[in-house]
Amino acid sequence: MINFDLKNLIINFGPQHPAAHGVLRLIVELKGEKIIQSDPHIGLLHRGTEKLIENKTILQSIPYFDRLDYVSMISQEHTFCLAVEKLLNLKVSLRSSFIRVIFLEITRILNHLLAIGCHAIDVGAITPFCWFFEEREKLLEFYERITGARMHANFIRPGGINFELSLDFMNDLFLFCSLFLFRLNEVEELLNGNRIWVNRLSNIGIVTKFDVLKFGFSGVMLRGSGIVWDLRKNFSYEIYDKLKFNIPIGFNGDCFDRYLVRIYEMRESTNIIKTCLNLISDLKFDFLETNYNFKYFFNSKYNIKNSMEQLINHFKYFSENLIIPLNEIYSSTECPKGEFGVFLVGNNTSFLHRCKIKSPGFNHLHSLNFMSKNHLLADLVTIIGTQDIVFGEIDR
């Protein structure tokens, strides 16, 4: 009689797998096609971002945040600038806040377009990927028209913003928002009742309210399980308390609910942009007109050729930059992927003593083993897609 030792199959999922969304490497233990365990390995993209920031001035540090979650760029630099403003007790003009919110919601739409488009093509639906990337291209052109960069905008500054919006830009953006809602309708008509799409997402990767709180989820992963939580409403910042918008939630906590939440959030972001464009027309055009010390924010309207004081201030701002007081602050915002937080410690120099970053994707990736256990290997691709993971912010 021959004795066979039966062992589970252990495979590498990624980092070269097309559905791994970057540099994800999973050690997956399989029994047939059923997942027994999936162990995520991170650190393949580690660049030491936090330590690099601690050796740069504030102005030099902002571009590093663009490159963390390189799908929703402006959201990260905004969180960092909010933290610096709290440390320095800076106030931002109302017009600057409106412009910030417009670009934050453009960034949210950009993120969800890529998240759903890539998720769809991972599952096997090609058409939404093509449609959404066409819309994403239009939004990236709006980025480029104002900042000169398609992705890494370096747009928000402590105390304000770097560029003003033109009237033509606002008219074109309003037209885009009006037409974009029709494209969302087309995608929902294609996917919501599609038998293959519904079967691949429904009852897959279910997360209960208890599990969501235990793993520290945020963003769509939190709201998809039925918890009403959005930092834009719960801890209002900028001018979100002046805007009316809804917080979409799911009921089952599965992949299909999270897809629906992202679709609804894009609709709400579109309405927020249209509201801001209507309200901003009544504000003073000079976005640099502020009531704080001009030394904290470079103002191009001051003529450095005719004033020695302005020339000295210009030199100090771009060389030494801001002096961070001996204090510490934690600031967090509702980024497209969830709660993105920045913890800063100043030491009365132009360099930060400490910078620590809290990324939402790390908590979501940490739960991948729990979410995929006892599912099939094909379901693992669906779960990774619905988590919307980008490794720039996770590895740092």
Protein backbone atom coordinates (compact mmCIF):
# COMPACT_ATOMS: atom_id res chain seq x y z
CA MET A 1 0.00 0.00 0.00
CA ILE A 2 1.41 3.40 -1.05
CA ASN A 3 1.01 6.37 1.31
CA PHE A 4 0.74 9.80 -0.25
CA ASP A 5 1.44 12.96 1.76
CA LEU A 6 -1.12 15.47 0.59
CA LYS A 7 0.05 19.08 0.82
CA ASN A 8 -1.57 22.34 -0.02
CA LEU A 9 -0.26 24.23 -3.02
CA ILE A 10 1.68 27.44 -2.26
CA ILE A 11 1.97 29.96 -5.09
CA ASN A 12 3.20 33.50 -5.66
CA PHE A 13 0.52 35.95 -6.71
CA GLY A 14 2.51 38.86 -8.13
CA PRO A 15 4.43 41.07 -8.10
CA GLN A 16 4.36 40.64 -11.89
CA HIS A 17 0.70 39.58 -12.04
CA PRO A 18 -1.40 42.06 -14.11
CA ALA A 19 -4.13 42.10 -11.44
CA ALA A 20 -1.69 42.74 -8.58
CA HIS A 21 -2.08 46.53 -9.04
CA GLY A 22 1.57 47.42 -8.88
CA VAL A 23 4.11 45.68 -6.69
CA LEU A 24 1.87 43.46 -4.55
CA ARG A 25 3.29 40.05 -3.78
CA LEU A 26 1.03 37.48 -2.10
CA ILE A 27 2.08 34.06 -0.83
CA VAL A 28 -1.17 32.17 -1.36
CA GLU A 29 -1.84 28.72 0.10
CA LEU A 30 -4.43 26.84 -1.94
CA LYS A 31 -6.40 23.65 -1.43
CA GLY A 32 -7.57 23.02 -4.94
CA GLU A 33 -8.86 26.45 -5.93
CA LYS A 34 -9.92 27.41 -2.40
CA ILE A 35 -7.75 29.94 -0.58
CA ILE A 36 -6.54 28.69 2.81
CA GLN A 37 -4.25 31.64 3.52
CA SER A 38 -2.89 34.69 1.70
CA ASP A 39 0.14 36.46 3.14
CA PRO A 40 0.79 39.95 1.65
CA HIS A 41 4.45 41.00 1.36
CA ILE A 42 5.07 44.73 1.22
CA GLY A 43 8.19 46.85 1.03
CA LEU A 44 9.08 46.28 -2.63
CA LEU A 45 8.47 49.98 -3.41
CA HIS A 46 9.95 51.40 -0.20
CA ARG A 47 11.60 54.80 -0.85
CA GLY A 48 11.98 56.19 2.67
CA THR A 49 9.57 59.04 1.97
CA GLU A 50 9.12 60.08 5.61
CA LYS A 51 12.87 60.38 6.21
CA LEU A 52 13.34 62.27 2.97
CA ILE A 53 10.67 64.77 4.03
CA GLU A 54 12.40 65.29 7.38
CA ASN A 55 15.47 66.50 5.47
CA LYS A 56 13.62 68.92 3.18
CA THR A 57 11.89 72.25 3.65
CA ILE A 58 8.10 72.40 3.58
CA LEU A 59 8.05 73.64 -0.01
CA GLN A 60 10.41 70.85 -1.09
CA SER A 61 8.33 68.23 0.76
CA ILE A 62 5.01 68.84 -0.99
CA PRO A 63 5.89 66.91 -4.22
CA TYR A 64 6.64 63.79 -2.17
CA PHE A 65 2.97 63.61 -1.21
CA ASP A 66 1.93 63.75 -4.87
CA ARG A 67 3.88 60.55 -5.39
CA LEU A 68 2.42 58.56 -2.50
CA ASP A 69 -0.99 57.68 -3.88
CA TYR A 70 -0.17 58.52 -7.48
CA VAL A 71 -3.82 58.05 -8.50
CA SER A 72 -5.21 60.78 -6.23
CA MET A 73 -2.34 63.24 -6.11
CA ILE A 74 -3.68 66.56 -4.81
CA SER A 75 -5.50 64.90 -1.90
CA GLN A 76 -2.22 63.93 -0.21
CA GLU A 77 -0.50 67.29 -0.57
CA HIS A 78 -3.67 68.94 0.75
CA THR A 79 -3.52 66.91 3.98
CA PHE A 80 0.12 67.87 4.48
CA CYS A 81 -0.59 71.57 3.88
CA LEU A 82 -3.52 71.47 6.33
CA ALA A 83 -1.19 70.08 9.00
CA VAL A 84 1.38 72.83 8.33
CA GLU A 85 -1.36 75.49 8.48
CA LYS A 86 -2.48 74.19 11.87
CA LEU A 87 1.10 74.31 13.17
CA LEU A 88 1.59 77.88 11.93
CA ASN A 89 -2.00 78.98 12.63
CA LEU A 90 -2.44 80.15 9.03
CA LYS A 91 -5.79 81.15 7.59
CA VAL A 92 -6.76 80.52 3.99
CA SER A 93 -8.84 82.88 1.88
CA LEU A 94 -12.36 81.75 1.03
CA ARG A 95 -11.69 81.68 -2.68
CA SER A 96 -8.63 79.47 -2.14
CA SER A 97 -10.77 77.04 -0.12
CA PHE A 98 -13.32 76.82 -2.93
CA ILE A 99 -10.59 76.15 -5.50
CA ARG A 100 -9.05 73.53 -3.23
CA VAL A 101 -12.39 71.72 -2.88
CA ILE A 102 -12.93 71.80 -6.65
CA PHE A 103 -9.61 70.05 -7.24
CA LEU A 104 -10.09 67.66 -4.33
CA GLU A 105 -13.36 66.45 -5.85
CA ILE A 106 -11.80 66.26 -9.33
CA THR A 107 -9.15 64.06 -7.70
CA ARG A 108 -11.83 61.87 -6.06
CA ILE A 109 -13.46 61.29 -9.45
CA LEU A 110 -10.05 60.54 -10.99
CA ASN A 111 -9.38 57.92 -8.32
CA HIS A 112 -12.75 56.18 -8.60
CA LEU A 113 -12.61 56.15 -12.41
CA LEU A 114 -9.35 54.22 -12.29
CA ALA A 115 -10.49 52.03 -9.38
CA ILE A 116 -13.70 50.88 -11.09
CA GLY A 117 -12.15 50.75 -14.57
CA CYS A 118 -9.23 48.54 -13.48
CA HIS A 119 -11.52 46.48 -11.25
CA ALA A 120 -13.82 45.87 -14.20
CA ILE A 121 -11.03 44.78 -16.54
CA ASP A 122 -9.61 42.49 -13.81
CA VAL A 123 -13.00 40.77 -13.66
CA GLY A 124 -13.31 40.67 -17.46
CA ALA A 125 -15.33 43.75 -18.47
CA ILE A 126 -13.32 45.74 -21.02
CA THR A 127 -15.79 48.45 -22.10
CA PRO A 128 -16.02 50.37 -18.75
CA PHE A 129 -12.22 50.50 -18.65
CA CYS A 130 -12.11 52.24 -22.05
CA TRP A 131 -15.00 54.60 -21.25
CA PHE A 132 -13.65 55.63 -17.84
CA PHE A 133 -10.13 56.25 -19.09
CA GLU A 134 -11.53 58.58 -21.73
CA GLU A 135 -13.19 60.61 -18.94
CA ARG A 136 -10.04 60.40 -16.85
CA GLU A 137 -8.04 61.85 -19.73
CA LYS A 138 -10.37 64.88 -19.82
CA LEU A 139 -9.87 65.47 -16.09
CA LEU A 140 -6.10 65.19 -16.39
CA GLU A 141 -6.27 67.92 -19.03
CA PHE A 142 -7.95 70.16 -16.43
CA TYR A 143 -5.01 69.39 -14.12
CA GLU A 144 -2.59 70.31 -16.88
CA ARG A 145 -4.34 73.54 -17.83
CA ILE A 146 -3.89 74.98 -14.34
CA THR A 147 -0.74 73.40 -12.93
CA GLY A 148 1.18 72.45 -16.08
CA ALA A 149 1.42 68.83 -14.91
CA ARG A 150 -0.88 65.94 -15.76
CA MET A 151 -0.38 64.11 -12.48
CA HIS A 152 2.07 65.46 -9.90
CA ALA A 153 0.52 68.90 -9.66
CA ASN A 154 2.34 70.51 -6.70
CA PHE A 155 -0.71 72.76 -6.59
CA ILE A 156 -1.61 73.43 -2.94
CA ARG A 157 0.62 75.58 -0.73
CA PRO A 158 0.49 76.18 3.05
CA GLY A 159 -1.71 79.27 3.20
CA GLY A 160 -3.35 78.94 -0.20
CA ILE A 161 -2.84 77.60 -3.70
CA ASN A 162 -0.25 78.03 -6.40
CA PHE A 163 -2.38 79.06 -9.39
CA GLU A 164 -5.62 80.88 -10.09
CA LEU A 165 -8.52 79.52 -12.18
CA SER A 166 -9.50 81.24 -15.40
CA LEU A 167 -13.10 81.86 -16.45
CA ASP A 168 -12.71 79.63 -19.52
CA PHE A 169 -11.45 76.82 -17.28
CA MET A 170 -14.49 77.07 -14.99
CA ASN A 171 -16.90 77.11 -17.94
CA ASP A 172 -15.28 74.02 -19.48
CA LEU A 173 -15.27 72.19 -16.14
CA PHE A 174 -18.97 72.95 -15.63
CA LEU A 175 -19.72 71.55 -19.09
CA PHE A 176 -17.71 68.41 -18.31
CA CYS A 177 -19.66 67.86 -15.08
CA SER A 178 -22.97 68.11 -16.93
CA LEU A 179 -21.92 65.52 -19.54
CA PHE A 180 -20.09 63.22 -17.12
CA LEU A 181 -23.32 62.21 -15.36
CA PHE A 182 -24.56 60.70 -18.65
CA ARG A 183 -21.42 58.57 -18.91
CA LEU A 184 -22.02 57.28 -15.37
CA ASN A 185 -25.56 56.35 -16.41
CA GLU A 186 -24.20 54.37 -19.38
CA VAL A 187 -21.75 52.43 -17.20
CA GLU A 188 -24.43 51.61 -14.65
CA GLU A 189 -26.76 50.42 -17.40
CA LEU A 190 -23.96 48.16 -18.63
CA LEU A 191 -22.83 46.73 -15.28
CA ASN A 192 -25.57 46.91 -12.64
CA GLY A 193 -27.79 44.29 -14.29
CA ASN A 194 -25.02 42.29 -15.99
CA ARG A 195 -25.28 38.69 -14.78
CA ILE A 196 -21.53 37.99 -14.91
CA TRP A 197 -20.59 41.25 -13.12
CA VAL A 198 -23.19 40.74 -10.38
CA ASN A 199 -22.22 37.10 -9.80
CA ARG A 200 -18.51 37.93 -9.62
CA LEU A 201 -19.03 40.70 -7.01
CA SER A 202 -22.10 39.79 -4.94
CA ASN A 203 -21.40 38.04 -1.60
CA ILE A 204 -17.63 38.21 -2.24
CA GLY A 205 -15.32 39.72 0.39
CA ILE A 206 -18.11 40.46 2.87
CA VAL A 207 -16.99 42.66 5.76
CA THR A 208 -19.34 43.21 8.72
CA LYS A 209 -19.56 46.41 10.75
CA PHE A 210 -17.68 44.71 13.58
CA ASP A 211 -14.84 43.62 11.27
CA VAL A 212 -14.61 47.09 9.73
CA LEU A 213 -14.01 48.68 13.13
CA LYS A 214 -11.63 45.92 14.22
CA PHE A 215 -9.36 46.32 11.19
CA GLY A 216 -9.51 50.12 11.17
CA PHE A 217 -11.10 50.51 7.75
CA SER A 218 -11.97 53.92 6.34
CA GLY A 219 -13.39 55.47 3.21
CA VAL A 220 -15.40 53.29 0.82
CA MET A 221 -14.37 50.12 2.64
CA LEU A 222 -16.04 51.54 5.78
CA ARG A 223 -19.14 53.03 4.16
CA GLY A 224 -19.69 49.93 2.03
CA SER A 225 -20.48 48.03 5.23
CA GLY A 226 -23.21 50.47 6.27
CA ILE A 227 -21.30 52.85 8.59
CA VAL A 228 -22.03 56.53 7.94
CA TRP A 229 -18.61 58.13 8.36
CA ASP A 230 -17.03 60.81 6.22
CA LEU A 231 -14.44 63.25 7.55
CA ARG A 232 -15.76 65.93 5.20
CA LYS A 233 -18.94 65.96 7.31
CA ASN A 234 -17.88 64.55 10.69
CA PHE A 235 -14.79 66.79 11.05
CA SER A 236 -15.46 69.46 8.47
CA TYR A 237 -12.49 71.21 6.89
CA GLU A 238 -12.14 73.83 4.15
CA ILE A 239 -15.71 74.84 3.13
CA TYR A 240 -17.39 71.42 3.25
CA ASP A 241 -19.67 72.58 6.05
CA LYS A 242 -21.18 75.09 3.59
CA LEU A 243 -21.96 72.40 0.99
CA LYS A 244 -24.84 69.94 0.89
CA PHE A 245 -23.97 66.41 -0.20
CA ASN A 246 -24.97 62.88 0.71
CA ILE A 247 -22.85 60.05 2.13
CA PRO A 248 -23.58 56.82 0.24
CA ILE A 249 -23.50 53.58 2.23
CA GLY A 250 -23.86 49.88 1.45
CA PHE A 251 -25.84 47.20 3.24
CA ASN A 252 -24.16 43.84 2.63
CA GLY A 253 -20.52 44.94 2.86
CA ASP A 254 -19.56 42.96 -0.24
CA CYS A 255 -17.64 43.94 -3.39
CA PHE A 256 -20.82 44.91 -5.24
CA ASP A 257 -21.81 47.38 -2.51
CA ARG A 258 -18.38 48.99 -2.61
CA TYR A 259 -18.66 49.37 -6.39
CA LEU A 260 -22.04 51.10 -6.01
CA VAL A 261 -20.68 53.43 -3.29
CA ARG A 262 -17.85 54.55 -5.59
CA ILE A 263 -20.30 55.24 -8.43
CA TYR A 264 -22.55 57.29 -6.12
CA GLU A 265 -19.56 59.19 -4.70
CA MET A 266 -18.60 60.29 -8.21
CA ARG A 267 -22.11 61.67 -8.67
CA GLU A 268 -21.85 63.57 -5.38
CA SER A 269 -18.38 64.91 -6.25
CA THR A 270 -19.72 66.15 -9.60
CA ASN A 271 -22.52 68.03 -7.84
CA ILE A 272 -20.05 69.50 -5.32
CA ILE A 273 -17.87 70.83 -8.16
CA LYS A 274 -20.88 72.41 -9.89
CA THR A 275 -21.97 74.03 -6.60
CA CYS A 276 -18.48 75.45 -5.99
CA LEU A 277 -18.27 76.80 -9.53
CA ASN A 278 -21.58 78.61 -9.02
CA LEU A 279 -20.57 80.07 -5.64
CA ILE A 280 -17.00 81.05 -6.51
CA SER A 281 -18.15 83.57 -9.11
CA ASP A 282 -19.32 85.88 -6.31
CA LEU A 283 -15.92 85.93 -4.56
CA LYS A 284 -13.09 88.41 -5.01
CA PHE A 285 -10.89 87.36 -7.92
CA ASP A 286 -7.59 87.93 -6.13
CA PHE A 287 -7.08 84.56 -4.47
CA LEU A 288 -3.95 85.82 -2.71
CA GLU A 289 -5.81 88.45 -0.71
CA THR A 290 -5.44 87.01 2.79
CA ASN A 291 -5.41 88.26 6.35
CA TYR A 292 -2.28 86.51 7.58
CA ASN A 293 1.37 87.50 7.46
CA PHE A 294 2.50 87.65 3.82
CA LYS A 295 5.87 86.14 4.75
CA TYR A 296 4.27 82.71 5.11
CA PHE A 297 3.03 82.66 1.52
CA PHE A 298 4.71 84.00 -1.60
CA ASN A 299 2.53 86.59 -3.30
CA SER A 300 3.43 87.36 -6.89
CA LYS A 301 1.63 90.73 -6.82
CA TYR A 302 4.42 92.19 -4.65
CA ASN A 303 7.10 93.70 -6.87
CA ILE A 304 10.49 92.38 -5.72
CA LYS A 305 12.30 94.78 -8.09
CA ASN A 306 11.09 97.89 -6.27
CA SER A 307 11.16 96.72 -2.63
CA MET A 308 14.20 95.42 -0.76
CA GLU A 309 11.93 93.90 1.90
CA GLN A 310 10.02 91.93 -0.73
CA LEU A 311 13.26 90.78 -2.34
CA ILE A 312 14.60 89.52 1.00
CA ASN A 313 11.28 87.80 1.74
CA HIS A 314 11.31 86.17 -1.69
CA PHE A 315 14.83 84.83 -1.12
CA LYS A 316 14.04 83.56 2.39
CA TYR A 317 10.81 81.88 1.25
CA PHE A 318 12.41 79.84 -1.53
CA SER A 319 15.64 79.01 0.31
CA GLU A 320 14.96 78.69 4.02
CA ASN A 321 11.15 78.47 3.64
CA LEU A 322 8.84 78.24 6.69
CA ILE A 323 10.08 77.95 10.28
CA ILE A 324 8.11 75.19 12.00
CA PRO A 325 7.48 75.92 15.71
CA LEU A 326 8.27 73.48 18.51
CA ASN A 327 4.94 71.68 18.45
CA GLU A 328 3.21 68.59 17.06
CA ILE A 329 0.02 68.09 15.08
CA TYR A 330 -2.01 65.30 13.48
CA SER A 331 -4.19 66.20 10.53
CA SER A 332 -6.40 63.84 8.54
CA THR A 333 -8.74 64.23 5.58
CA GLU A 334 -11.21 62.10 3.66
CA CYS A 335 -9.07 61.07 0.71
CA PRO A 336 -10.59 58.95 -2.08
CA LYS A 337 -9.24 55.73 -0.54
CA GLY A 338 -10.09 56.61 3.07
CA GLU A 339 -8.62 58.52 5.98
CA PHE A 340 -5.18 59.84 5.08
CA GLY A 341 -3.32 61.30 8.07
CA VAL A 342 -0.10 63.24 8.58
CA PHE A 343 1.65 63.60 11.95
CA LEU A 344 4.22 66.40 12.12
CA VAL A 345 6.65 67.47 14.85
CA GLY A 346 8.38 70.83 14.53
CA ASN A 347 11.57 72.01 16.28
CA ASN A 348 11.88 75.75 15.51
CA THR A 349 13.83 75.16 12.30
CA SER A 350 12.88 75.02 8.63
CA PHE A 351 13.08 71.19 8.77
CA LEU A 352 10.57 68.89 10.42
CA HIS A 353 11.77 66.86 13.38
CA ARG A 354 9.36 64.03 12.54
CA CYS A 355 6.90 63.22 9.76
CA LYS A 356 4.74 60.11 10.01
CA ILE A 357 2.12 59.20 7.42
CA LYS A 358 -1.04 57.19 8.03
CA SER A 359 -2.21 55.63 4.78
CA PRO A 360 -5.67 54.02 4.45
CA GLY A 361 -4.49 51.29 2.07
CA PHE A 362 -2.23 49.65 4.67
CA ASN A 363 -5.16 48.70 6.91
CA HIS A 364 -7.12 47.40 3.94
CA LEU A 365 -4.23 45.29 2.68
CA HIS A 366 -3.67 43.96 6.19
CA SER A 367 -7.17 42.43 6.09
CA LEU A 368 -6.70 40.67 2.74
CA ASN A 369 -6.15 37.28 4.36
CA PHE A 370 -9.35 37.62 6.38
CA MET A 371 -11.38 38.83 3.38
CA SER A 372 -10.18 36.17 0.93
CA LYS A 373 -10.17 33.11 3.20
CA ASN A 374 -12.30 30.21 1.86
CA HIS A 375 -12.93 32.09 -1.38
CA LEU A 376 -11.77 30.84 -4.77
CA LEU A 377 -8.54 32.06 -6.36
CA ALA A 378 -10.52 34.01 -8.99
CA ASP A 379 -12.31 35.86 -6.17
CA LEU A 380 -8.96 37.10 -4.85
CA VAL A 381 -8.64 39.32 -7.94
CA THR A 382 -12.09 40.78 -7.25
CA ILE A 383 -11.25 41.51 -3.61
CA ILE A 384 -7.93 43.20 -4.47
CA GLY A 385 -9.72 45.34 -7.04
CA THR A 386 -12.42 46.46 -4.64
CA GLN A 387 -9.83 47.41 -1.99
CA ASP A 388 -8.40 49.96 -4.44
CA ILE A 389 -4.79 49.52 -3.34
CA VAL A 390 -1.92 51.75 -4.48
CA PHE A 391 1.48 50.79 -3.11
CA GLY A 392 3.10 54.20 -3.14
CA GLU A 393 1.22 55.11 0.05
CA ILE A 394 1.48 51.64 1.63
CA ASP A 395 5.22 51.06 1.23
CA ARG A 396 6.27 54.75 1.50
